[in-house]
Full PDB file with SEQRES, HELIX, SHEET, SSBOND, CRYST1, ORIGX, SCALE, CONECT and MASTER records, all heavy atoms in Angstrom:
SEQRES   1 A   31  GLY GLY ALA HIS PRO PRO ILE ARG ASN VAL ARG ILE HIS          
SEQRES   2 A   31  HIS GLY ASP ALA LEU GLU VAL LEU ARG ARG ILE PRO ASP          
SEQRES   3 A   31  GLY SER LEU SER PHE                                          
HELIX    1 AA1 ALA A   17  LEU A   21  1                                   5    
CRYST1    1.000    1.000    1.000  90.00  90.00  90.00 P 1           1          
ORIGX1      1.000000  0.000000  0.000000        0.00000                         
ORIGX2      0.000000  1.000000  0.000000        0.00000                         
ORIGX3      0.000000  0.000000  1.000000        0.00000                         
SCALE1      1.000000  0.000000  0.000000        0.00000                         
SCALE2      0.000000  1.000000  0.000000        0.00000                         
SCALE3      0.000000  0.000000  1.000000        0.00000                         
ATOM      1  N   GLY A   1       0.795  -1.225   0.000  1.00  0.00           N  
ATOM      2  CA  GLY A   1       0.000   0.000   0.000  1.00  0.00           C  
ATOM      3  C   GLY A   1       0.822   1.267   0.000  1.00  0.00           C  
ATOM      4  O   GLY A   1       0.391   2.285   0.563  1.00  0.00           O  
ATOM      5  N   GLY A   2       1.980   1.247  -0.640  1.00  0.00           N  
ATOM      6  CA  GLY A   2       2.830   2.427  -0.725  1.00  0.00           C  
ATOM      7  C   GLY A   2       3.847   2.551   0.382  1.00  0.00           C  
ATOM      8  O   GLY A   2       4.595   3.539   0.436  1.00  0.00           O  
ATOM      9  N   ALA A   3       3.928   1.569   1.267  1.00  0.00           N  
ATOM     10  CA  ALA A   3       4.891   1.625   2.367  1.00  0.00           C  
ATOM     11  C   ALA A   3       6.333   1.525   1.869  1.00  0.00           C  
ATOM     12  O   ALA A   3       7.257   2.039   2.508  1.00  0.00           O  
ATOM     13  CB  ALA A   3       4.611   0.519   3.379  1.00  0.00           C  
ATOM     14  N   HIS A   4       6.535   0.853   0.751  1.00  0.00           N  
ATOM     15  CA  HIS A   4       7.870   0.748   0.151  1.00  0.00           C  
ATOM     16  C   HIS A   4       7.698   0.546  -1.356  1.00  0.00           C  
ATOM     17  O   HIS A   4       6.594   0.216  -1.833  1.00  0.00           O  
ATOM     18  CB  HIS A   4       8.660  -0.400   0.780  1.00  0.00           C  
ATOM     19  CG  HIS A   4       8.001  -1.739   0.669  1.00  0.00           C  
ATOM     20  ND1 HIS A   4       7.966  -2.462  -0.498  1.00  0.00           N  
ATOM     21  CD2 HIS A   4       7.333  -2.487   1.585  1.00  0.00           C  
ATOM     22  CE1 HIS A   4       7.323  -3.598  -0.298  1.00  0.00           C  
ATOM     23  NE2 HIS A   4       6.917  -3.631   0.951  1.00  0.00           N  
ATOM     24  N   PRO A   5       8.758   0.717  -2.138  1.00  0.00           N  
ATOM     25  CA  PRO A   5       8.651   0.515  -3.579  1.00  0.00           C  
ATOM     26  C   PRO A   5       8.298  -0.936  -3.900  1.00  0.00           C  
ATOM     27  O   PRO A   5       8.626  -1.853  -3.137  1.00  0.00           O  
ATOM     28  CB  PRO A   5      10.042   0.875  -4.104  1.00  0.00           C  
ATOM     29  CG  PRO A   5      10.643   1.723  -3.037  1.00  0.00           C  
ATOM     30  CD  PRO A   5      10.085   1.219  -1.744  1.00  0.00           C  
ATOM     31  N   PRO A   6       7.638  -1.175  -5.017  1.00  0.00           N  
ATOM     32  CA  PRO A   6       7.354  -2.555  -5.422  1.00  0.00           C  
ATOM     33  C   PRO A   6       8.633  -3.375  -5.565  1.00  0.00           C  
ATOM     34  O   PRO A   6       9.702  -2.845  -5.887  1.00  0.00           O  
ATOM     35  CB  PRO A   6       6.643  -2.384  -6.769  1.00  0.00           C  
ATOM     36  CG  PRO A   6       6.075  -1.010  -6.734  1.00  0.00           C  
ATOM     37  CD  PRO A   6       7.060  -0.188  -5.946  1.00  0.00           C  
ATOM     38  N   ILE A   7       8.506  -4.654  -5.304  1.00  0.00           N  
ATOM     39  CA  ILE A   7       9.628  -5.593  -5.425  1.00  0.00           C  
ATOM     40  C   ILE A   7       9.468  -6.325  -6.751  1.00  0.00           C  
ATOM     41  O   ILE A   7       8.455  -6.992  -6.987  1.00  0.00           O  
ATOM     42  CB  ILE A   7       9.640  -6.569  -4.235  1.00  0.00           C  
ATOM     43  CG1 ILE A   7       9.839  -5.781  -2.931  1.00  0.00           C  
ATOM     44  CG2 ILE A   7      10.735  -7.618  -4.404  1.00  0.00           C  
ATOM     45  CD1 ILE A   7       9.606  -6.611  -1.679  1.00  0.00           C  
ATOM     46  N   ARG A   8      10.470  -6.215  -7.614  1.00  0.00           N  
ATOM     47  CA  ARG A   8      10.333  -6.687  -8.991  1.00  0.00           C  
ATOM     48  C   ARG A   8      11.014  -8.021  -9.283  1.00  0.00           C  
ATOM     49  O   ARG A   8      10.790  -8.595 -10.341  1.00  0.00           O  
ATOM     50  CB  ARG A   8      10.917  -5.639  -9.955  1.00  0.00           C  
ATOM     51  CG  ARG A   8      10.369  -4.222  -9.784  1.00  0.00           C  
ATOM     52  CD  ARG A   8       8.915  -4.142 -10.151  1.00  0.00           C  
ATOM     53  NE  ARG A   8       8.447  -2.739 -10.212  1.00  0.00           N  
ATOM     54  CZ  ARG A   8       7.181  -2.390 -10.351  1.00  0.00           C  
ATOM     55  NH1 ARG A   8       6.250  -3.327 -10.455  1.00  0.00           N  
ATOM     56  NH2 ARG A   8       6.853  -1.112 -10.397  1.00  0.00           N  
ATOM     57  N   ASN A   9      11.825  -8.506  -8.377  1.00  0.00           N  
ATOM     58  CA  ASN A   9      12.666  -9.669  -8.679  1.00  0.00           C  
ATOM     59  C   ASN A   9      12.107 -10.973  -8.117  1.00  0.00           C  
ATOM     60  O   ASN A   9      12.849 -11.848  -7.654  1.00  0.00           O  
ATOM     61  CB  ASN A   9      14.091  -9.449  -8.165  1.00  0.00           C  
ATOM     62  CG  ASN A   9      14.152  -9.113  -6.677  1.00  0.00           C  
ATOM     63  OD1 ASN A   9      13.259  -8.477  -6.139  1.00  0.00           O  
ATOM     64  ND2 ASN A   9      15.213  -9.556  -6.010  1.00  0.00           N  
ATOM     65  N   VAL A  10      10.772 -11.121  -8.159  1.00  0.00           N  
ATOM     66  CA  VAL A  10      10.108 -12.327  -7.664  1.00  0.00           C  
ATOM     67  C   VAL A  10       9.137 -12.834  -8.723  1.00  0.00           C  
ATOM     68  O   VAL A  10       8.432 -12.056  -9.368  1.00  0.00           O  
ATOM     69  CB  VAL A  10       9.335 -12.043  -6.354  1.00  0.00           C  
ATOM     70  CG1 VAL A  10       8.573 -13.291  -5.906  1.00  0.00           C  
ATOM     71  CG2 VAL A  10      10.275 -11.585  -5.247  1.00  0.00           C  
ATOM     72  N   ARG A  11       9.095 -14.153  -8.866  1.00  0.00           N  
ATOM     73  CA  ARG A  11       8.113 -14.815  -9.713  1.00  0.00           C  
ATOM     74  C   ARG A  11       7.374 -15.836  -8.842  1.00  0.00           C  
ATOM     75  O   ARG A  11       7.974 -16.480  -7.974  1.00  0.00           O  
ATOM     76  CB  ARG A  11       8.762 -15.505 -10.905  1.00  0.00           C  
ATOM     77  CG  ARG A  11       9.510 -14.545 -11.832  1.00  0.00           C  
ATOM     78  CD  ARG A  11       8.574 -13.580 -12.519  1.00  0.00           C  
ATOM     79  NE  ARG A  11       9.276 -12.650 -13.403  1.00  0.00           N  
ATOM     80  CZ  ARG A  11       9.674 -11.437 -13.048  1.00  0.00           C  
ATOM     81  NH1 ARG A  11       9.441 -10.996 -11.818  1.00  0.00           N  
ATOM     82  NH2 ARG A  11      10.300 -10.656 -13.902  1.00  0.00           N  
ATOM     83  N   ILE A  12       6.080 -15.997  -9.088  1.00  0.00           N  
ATOM     84  CA  ILE A  12       5.231 -16.808  -8.215  1.00  0.00           C  
ATOM     85  C   ILE A  12       4.552 -17.916  -9.007  1.00  0.00           C  
ATOM     86  O   ILE A  12       4.087 -17.711 -10.130  1.00  0.00           O  
ATOM     87  CB  ILE A  12       4.174 -15.929  -7.525  1.00  0.00           C  
ATOM     88  CG1 ILE A  12       4.833 -15.090  -6.420  1.00  0.00           C  
ATOM     89  CG2 ILE A  12       3.048 -16.767  -6.921  1.00  0.00           C  
ATOM     90  CD1 ILE A  12       3.875 -14.194  -5.674  1.00  0.00           C  
ATOM     91  N   HIS A  13       4.492 -19.084  -8.353  1.00  0.00           N  
ATOM     92  CA  HIS A  13       3.695 -20.195  -8.866  1.00  0.00           C  
ATOM     93  C   HIS A  13       2.605 -20.493  -7.852  1.00  0.00           C  
ATOM     94  O   HIS A  13       2.898 -20.854  -6.709  1.00  0.00           O  
ATOM     95  CB  HIS A  13       4.558 -21.438  -9.082  1.00  0.00           C  
ATOM     96  CG  HIS A  13       3.780 -22.646  -9.495  1.00  0.00           C  
ATOM     97  ND1 HIS A  13       3.108 -22.728 -10.697  1.00  0.00           N  
ATOM     98  CD2 HIS A  13       3.551 -23.826  -8.849  1.00  0.00           C  
ATOM     99  CE1 HIS A  13       2.504 -23.897 -10.787  1.00  0.00           C  
ATOM    100  NE2 HIS A  13       2.747 -24.577  -9.682  1.00  0.00           N  
ATOM    101  N   HIS A  14       1.350 -20.334  -8.264  1.00  0.00           N  
ATOM    102  CA  HIS A  14       0.224 -20.680  -7.399  1.00  0.00           C  
ATOM    103  C   HIS A  14      -0.098 -22.148  -7.649  1.00  0.00           C  
ATOM    104  O   HIS A  14      -0.837 -22.492  -8.574  1.00  0.00           O  
ATOM    105  CB  HIS A  14      -0.981 -19.779  -7.724  1.00  0.00           C  
ATOM    106  CG  HIS A  14      -2.215 -20.162  -6.976  1.00  0.00           C  
ATOM    107  ND1 HIS A  14      -3.480 -20.008  -7.491  1.00  0.00           N  
ATOM    108  CD2 HIS A  14      -2.380 -20.716  -5.743  1.00  0.00           C  
ATOM    109  CE1 HIS A  14      -4.370 -20.445  -6.613  1.00  0.00           C  
ATOM    110  NE2 HIS A  14      -3.721 -20.884  -5.544  1.00  0.00           N  
ATOM    111  N   GLY A  15       0.500 -23.006  -6.847  1.00  0.00           N  
ATOM    112  CA  GLY A  15       0.296 -24.440  -7.027  1.00  0.00           C  
ATOM    113  C   GLY A  15       1.411 -25.234  -6.384  1.00  0.00           C  
ATOM    114  O   GLY A  15       2.071 -24.773  -5.444  1.00  0.00           O  
ATOM    115  N   ASP A  16       1.628 -26.428  -6.880  1.00  0.00           N  
ATOM    116  CA  ASP A  16       2.565 -27.386  -6.322  1.00  0.00           C  
ATOM    117  C   ASP A  16       4.004 -26.979  -6.639  1.00  0.00           C  
ATOM    118  O   ASP A  16       4.382 -26.843  -7.807  1.00  0.00           O  
ATOM    119  CB  ASP A  16       2.256 -28.772  -6.902  1.00  0.00           C  
ATOM    120  CG  ASP A  16       3.083 -29.880  -6.277  1.00  0.00           C  
ATOM    121  OD1 ASP A  16       3.985 -29.590  -5.469  1.00  0.00           O  
ATOM    122  OD2 ASP A  16       2.829 -31.054  -6.616  1.00  0.00           O  
ATOM    123  N   ALA A  17       4.815 -26.814  -5.601  1.00  0.00           N  
ATOM    124  CA  ALA A  17       6.208 -26.421  -5.791  1.00  0.00           C  
ATOM    125  C   ALA A  17       6.987 -27.432  -6.608  1.00  0.00           C  
ATOM    126  O   ALA A  17       7.876 -27.066  -7.393  1.00  0.00           O  
ATOM    127  CB  ALA A  17       6.873 -26.221  -4.431  1.00  0.00           C  
ATOM    128  N   LEU A  18       6.687 -28.710  -6.430  1.00  0.00           N  
ATOM    129  CA  LEU A  18       7.464 -29.743  -7.123  1.00  0.00           C  
ATOM    130  C   LEU A  18       7.274 -29.676  -8.628  1.00  0.00           C  
ATOM    131  O   LEU A  18       8.176 -30.052  -9.385  1.00  0.00           O  
ATOM    132  CB  LEU A  18       7.084 -31.129  -6.602  1.00  0.00           C  
ATOM    133  CG  LEU A  18       7.431 -31.404  -5.132  1.00  0.00           C  
ATOM    134  CD1 LEU A  18       6.973 -32.799  -4.735  1.00  0.00           C  
ATOM    135  CD2 LEU A  18       8.922 -31.236  -4.877  1.00  0.00           C  
ATOM    136  N   GLU A  19       6.124 -29.192  -9.084  1.00  0.00           N  
ATOM    137  CA  GLU A  19       5.910 -29.046 -10.523  1.00  0.00           C  
ATOM    138  C   GLU A  19       6.941 -28.098 -11.128  1.00  0.00           C  
ATOM    139  O   GLU A  19       7.455 -28.337 -12.230  1.00  0.00           O  
ATOM    140  CB  GLU A  19       4.500 -28.516 -10.802  1.00  0.00           C  
ATOM    141  CG  GLU A  19       3.375 -29.461 -10.416  1.00  0.00           C  
ATOM    142  CD  GLU A  19       2.010 -28.839 -10.660  1.00  0.00           C  
ATOM    143  OE1 GLU A  19       1.948 -27.676 -11.136  1.00  0.00           O  
ATOM    144  OE2 GLU A  19       0.993 -29.508 -10.368  1.00  0.00           O  
ATOM    145  N   VAL A  20       7.222 -27.013 -10.426  1.00  0.00           N  
ATOM    146  CA  VAL A  20       8.193 -26.036 -10.912  1.00  0.00           C  
ATOM    147  C   VAL A  20       9.613 -26.515 -10.654  1.00  0.00           C  
ATOM    148  O   VAL A  20      10.496 -26.387 -11.513  1.00  0.00           O  
ATOM    149  CB  VAL A  20       7.949 -24.675 -10.245  1.00  0.00           C  
ATOM    150  CG1 VAL A  20       9.033 -23.676 -10.630  1.00  0.00           C  
ATOM    151  CG2 VAL A  20       6.581 -24.132 -10.647  1.00  0.00           C  
ATOM    152  N   LEU A  21       9.851 -27.074  -9.476  1.00  0.00           N  
ATOM    153  CA  LEU A  21      11.209 -27.484  -9.119  1.00  0.00           C  
ATOM    154  C   LEU A  21      11.760 -28.499 -10.116  1.00  0.00           C  
ATOM    155  O   LEU A  21      12.944 -28.455 -10.477  1.00  0.00           O  
ATOM    156  CB  LEU A  21      11.199 -28.073  -7.699  1.00  0.00           C  
ATOM    157  CG  LEU A  21      12.558 -28.276  -7.034  1.00  0.00           C  
ATOM    158  CD1 LEU A  21      13.323 -26.962  -6.936  1.00  0.00           C  
ATOM    159  CD2 LEU A  21      12.386 -28.890  -5.656  1.00  0.00           C  
ATOM    160  N   ARG A  22      10.914 -29.390 -10.585  1.00  0.00           N  
ATOM    161  CA  ARG A  22      11.374 -30.387 -11.558  1.00  0.00           C  
ATOM    162  C   ARG A  22      11.821 -29.742 -12.874  1.00  0.00           C  
ATOM    163  O   ARG A  22      12.635 -30.313 -13.596  1.00  0.00           O  
ATOM    164  CB  ARG A  22      10.264 -31.403 -11.832  1.00  0.00           C  
ATOM    165  CG  ARG A  22       9.951 -32.337 -10.672  1.00  0.00           C  
ATOM    166  CD  ARG A  22       8.971 -33.419 -11.111  1.00  0.00           C  
ATOM    167  NE  ARG A  22       8.693 -34.380 -10.054  1.00  0.00           N  
ATOM    168  CZ  ARG A  22       7.599 -34.368  -9.286  1.00  0.00           C  
ATOM    169  NH1 ARG A  22       6.671 -33.421  -9.466  1.00  0.00           N  
ATOM    170  NH2 ARG A  22       7.424 -35.270  -8.337  1.00  0.00           N  
ATOM    171  N   ARG A  23      11.297 -28.574 -13.192  1.00  0.00           N  
ATOM    172  CA  ARG A  23      11.611 -27.908 -14.453  1.00  0.00           C  
ATOM    173  C   ARG A  23      12.828 -26.988 -14.359  1.00  0.00           C  
ATOM    174  O   ARG A  23      13.252 -26.410 -15.355  1.00  0.00           O  
ATOM    175  CB  ARG A  23      10.395 -27.117 -14.931  1.00  0.00           C  
ATOM    176  CG  ARG A  23       9.232 -28.007 -15.348  1.00  0.00           C  
ATOM    177  CD  ARG A  23       7.915 -27.247 -15.390  1.00  0.00           C  
ATOM    178  NE  ARG A  23       8.030 -26.009 -16.149  1.00  0.00           N  
ATOM    179  CZ  ARG A  23       7.284 -24.926 -15.958  1.00  0.00           C  
ATOM    180  NH1 ARG A  23       6.362 -24.922 -15.000  1.00  0.00           N  
ATOM    181  NH2 ARG A  23       7.453 -23.863 -16.705  1.00  0.00           N  
ATOM    182  N   ILE A  24      13.364 -26.831 -13.163  1.00  0.00           N  
ATOM    183  CA  ILE A  24      14.584 -26.045 -12.987  1.00  0.00           C  
ATOM    184  C   ILE A  24      15.778 -26.928 -13.355  1.00  0.00           C  
ATOM    185  O   ILE A  24      15.898 -28.047 -12.847  1.00  0.00           O  
ATOM    186  CB  ILE A  24      14.704 -25.549 -11.544  1.00  0.00           C  
ATOM    187  CG1 ILE A  24      13.557 -24.577 -11.216  1.00  0.00           C  
ATOM    188  CG2 ILE A  24      16.047 -24.881 -11.305  1.00  0.00           C  
ATOM    189  CD1 ILE A  24      13.530 -24.125  -9.772  1.00  0.00           C  
ATOM    190  N   PRO A  25      16.654 -26.485 -14.231  1.00  0.00           N  
ATOM    191  CA  PRO A  25      17.821 -27.306 -14.578  1.00  0.00           C  
ATOM    192  C   PRO A  25      18.656 -27.643 -13.345  1.00  0.00           C  
ATOM    193  O   PRO A  25      18.778 -26.833 -12.423  1.00  0.00           O  
ATOM    194  CB  PRO A  25      18.597 -26.419 -15.560  1.00  0.00           C  
ATOM    195  CG  PRO A  25      17.562 -25.510 -16.148  1.00  0.00           C  
ATOM    196  CD  PRO A  25      16.593 -25.241 -15.030  1.00  0.00           C  
ATOM    197  N   ASP A  26      19.211 -28.839 -13.339  1.00  0.00           N  
ATOM    198  CA  ASP A  26      20.042 -29.261 -12.217  1.00  0.00           C  
ATOM    199  C   ASP A  26      21.192 -28.275 -11.999  1.00  0.00           C  
ATOM    200  O   ASP A  26      21.771 -27.736 -12.958  1.00  0.00           O  
ATOM    201  CB  ASP A  26      20.606 -30.657 -12.464  1.00  0.00           C  
ATOM    202  CG  ASP A  26      19.549 -31.743 -12.355  1.00  0.00           C  
ATOM    203  OD1 ASP A  26      18.398 -31.417 -12.003  1.00  0.00           O  
ATOM    204  OD2 ASP A  26      19.872 -32.916 -12.636  1.00  0.00           O  
ATOM    205  N   GLY A  27      21.514 -28.058 -10.741  1.00  0.00           N  
ATOM    206  CA  GLY A  27      22.647 -27.201 -10.398  1.00  0.00           C  
ATOM    207  C   GLY A  27      22.399 -25.724 -10.608  1.00  0.00           C  
ATOM    208  O   GLY A  27      23.360 -24.955 -10.705  1.00  0.00           O  
ATOM    209  N   SER A  28      21.135 -25.291 -10.625  1.00  0.00           N  
ATOM    210  CA  SER A  28      20.820 -23.898 -10.946  1.00  0.00           C  
ATOM    211  C   SER A  28      20.555 -23.019  -9.729  1.00  0.00           C  
ATOM    212  O   SER A  28      20.674 -21.793  -9.813  1.00  0.00           O  
ATOM    213  CB  SER A  28      19.595 -23.833 -11.860  1.00  0.00           C  
ATOM    214  OG  SER A  28      19.858 -24.422 -13.111  1.00  0.00           O  
ATOM    215  N   LEU A  29      20.141 -23.596  -8.620  1.00  0.00           N  
ATOM    216  CA  LEU A  29      19.712 -22.799  -7.477  1.00  0.00           C  
ATOM    217  C   LEU A  29      20.869 -22.446  -6.549  1.00  0.00           C  
ATOM    218  O   LEU A  29      21.712 -23.284  -6.225  1.00  0.00           O  
ATOM    219  CB  LEU A  29      18.646 -23.543  -6.665  1.00  0.00           C  
ATOM    220  CG  LEU A  29      17.304 -23.795  -7.354  1.00  0.00           C  
ATOM    221  CD1 LEU A  29      16.386 -24.590  -6.432  1.00  0.00           C  
ATOM    222  CD2 LEU A  29      16.644 -22.479  -7.759  1.00  0.00           C  
ATOM    223  N   SER A  30      20.861 -21.197  -6.088  1.00  0.00           N  
ATOM    224  CA  SER A  30      21.819 -20.771  -5.074  1.00  0.00           C  
ATOM    225  C   SER A  30      21.273 -20.989  -3.671  1.00  0.00           C  
ATOM    226  O   SER A  30      22.027 -21.285  -2.744  1.00  0.00           O  
ATOM    227  CB  SER A  30      22.162 -19.283  -5.258  1.00  0.00           C  
ATOM    228  OG  SER A  30      22.858 -19.076  -6.466  1.00  0.00           O  
ATOM    229  N   PHE A  31      19.956 -20.823  -3.506  1.00  0.00           N  
ATOM    230  CA  PHE A  31      19.304 -21.041  -2.220  1.00  0.00           C  
ATOM    231  C   PHE A  31      17.975 -21.745  -2.442  1.00  0.00           C  
ATOM    232  O   PHE A  31      17.269 -21.475  -3.428  1.00  0.00           O  
ATOM    233  CB  PHE A  31      19.018 -19.710  -1.498  1.00  0.00           C  
ATOM    234  CG  PHE A  31      20.206 -19.072  -0.851  1.00  0.00           C  
ATOM    235  CD1 PHE A  31      21.061 -18.269  -1.590  1.00  0.00           C  
ATOM    236  CD2 PHE A  31      20.473 -19.255   0.500  1.00  0.00           C  
ATOM    237  CE1 PHE A  31      22.155 -17.663  -0.996  1.00  0.00           C  
ATOM    238  CE2 PHE A  31      21.566 -18.655   1.101  1.00  0.00           C  
ATOM    239  CZ  PHE A  31      22.412 -17.856   0.356  1.00  0.00           C  
TER     240      PHE A  31                                                      
MASTER        0    0    0    1    0    0    0    6  239    1    0    3          
END                                                                             
């Protein structure tokens, strides 16, 4: 509600995390 600037570096999946995690290439995540 204007308390801080919008955060632009996030993408969201509304659903099962494993569906997305399986599509991430191996060795790609830092955290």
